[in-house]
Amino acid sequence: MHFEGLDVLVIGIKRSGQAAIDLLRQRGARVRAMSSQPPNTEEQAFFAERGVCCLPQTPESFGDPQLVVLSPAVPYDLPLLTAAR
């Protein structure tokens, strides 16, 4: 799959989400992150270093991504995802 220029939303910002963010950015995707909890100091530094915004987990923040990547801890039946389908 080609990720160059793709608008991707990564939901979940712990280790798996951060690894996905790094991989997608390396492949040229435009990445945003979303979390149910505000990022801690280390996570804030991670996003700042990469120029990635971390959004609150709300329908208003979801937008219209071309691809959604879920971290393993994020439930597949999350109401936000159900509404987006």
Protein backbone atom coordinates (compact mmCIF):
# COMPACT_ATOMS: atom_id res chain seq x y z
CA MET A 1 0.00 0.00 0.00
CA HIS A 2 1.19 3.50 -0.81
CA PHE A 3 0.98 6.03 2.02
CA GLU A 4 2.52 9.07 0.29
CA GLY A 5 0.17 12.03 0.84
CA LEU A 6 -2.49 9.89 2.54
CA ASP A 7 -4.43 11.50 5.43
CA VAL A 8 -4.13 8.99 8.29
CA LEU A 9 -5.62 9.08 11.76
CA VAL A 10 -3.91 6.92 14.40
CA ILE A 11 -6.12 6.20 17.39
CA GLY A 12 -4.17 5.29 20.50
CA ILE A 13 -0.88 6.99 21.37
CA LYS A 14 1.08 4.50 23.44
CA ARG A 15 3.97 2.43 22.00
CA SER A 16 2.10 0.79 19.14
CA GLY A 17 0.45 4.04 18.10
CA GLN A 18 3.78 5.87 18.19
CA ALA A 19 5.43 3.14 16.10
CA ALA A 20 2.60 3.41 13.56
CA ILE A 21 3.00 7.19 13.48
CA ASP A 22 6.73 6.90 12.79
CA LEU A 23 6.27 4.29 10.06
CA LEU A 24 3.47 6.20 8.34
CA ARG A 25 5.42 9.47 8.43
CA GLN A 26 8.49 7.71 6.98
CA ARG A 27 6.25 6.53 4.13
CA GLY A 28 5.02 10.07 3.45
CA ALA A 29 1.60 10.02 5.11
CA ARG A 30 0.04 13.07 6.74
CA VAL A 31 -0.60 11.76 10.24
CA ARG A 32 -2.82 12.93 13.07
CA ALA A 33 -3.19 11.14 16.39
CA MET A 34 -6.18 10.75 18.67
CA SER A 35 -6.42 9.64 22.27
CA SER A 36 -9.08 9.27 24.92
CA GLN A 37 -6.64 10.71 27.46
CA PRO A 38 -4.50 13.86 27.20
CA PRO A 39 -0.89 13.04 26.28
CA ASN A 40 1.61 12.91 29.13
CA THR A 41 4.87 14.88 29.06
CA GLU A 42 6.79 12.20 27.12
CA GLU A 43 3.99 11.81 24.60
CA GLN A 44 3.77 15.58 24.17
CA ALA A 45 7.51 15.63 23.39
CA PHE A 46 7.06 12.78 20.89
CA PHE A 47 4.37 14.72 19.01
CA ALA A 48 6.24 18.03 19.17
CA GLU A 49 9.42 16.46 17.74
CA ARG A 50 7.45 15.09 14.80
CA GLY A 51 5.05 17.95 14.21
CA VAL A 52 2.07 15.64 14.73
CA CYS A 53 -1.06 16.93 16.42
CA CYS A 54 -2.76 14.84 19.09
CA LEU A 55 -6.49 15.39 19.17
CA PRO A 56 -9.09 14.54 21.81
CA GLN A 57 -11.17 11.47 21.03
CA THR A 58 -14.35 13.25 19.90
CA PRO A 59 -16.51 13.10 16.78
CA GLU A 60 -15.56 16.70 16.00
CA SER A 61 -11.85 15.81 15.98
CA PHE A 62 -12.29 12.71 13.81
CA GLY A 63 -12.53 14.57 10.52
CA ASP A 64 -12.50 12.61 7.27
CA PRO A 65 -9.30 10.52 7.22
CA GLN A 66 -8.51 8.28 4.28
CA LEU A 67 -7.17 5.61 6.63
CA VAL A 68 -7.68 4.90 10.34
CA VAL A 69 -5.09 2.90 12.28
CA LEU A 70 -6.09 1.46 15.65
CA SER A 71 -3.65 0.66 18.40
CA PRO A 72 -4.23 -2.80 19.91
CA ALA A 73 -5.85 -1.43 23.09
CA VAL A 74 -8.49 0.53 21.16
CA PRO A 75 -11.77 -1.41 20.92
CA TYR A 76 -12.93 -2.08 17.37
CA ASP A 77 -16.52 -1.26 18.38
CA LEU A 78 -15.64 2.17 19.77
CA PRO A 79 -18.74 4.37 19.21
CA LEU A 80 -16.63 6.94 17.39
CA LEU A 81 -15.57 4.30 14.84
CA THR A 82 -19.04 2.83 14.53
CA ALA A 83 -20.41 6.27 13.68
CA ALA A 84 -17.63 6.83 11.10
CA ARG A 85 -18.36 3.60 9.25
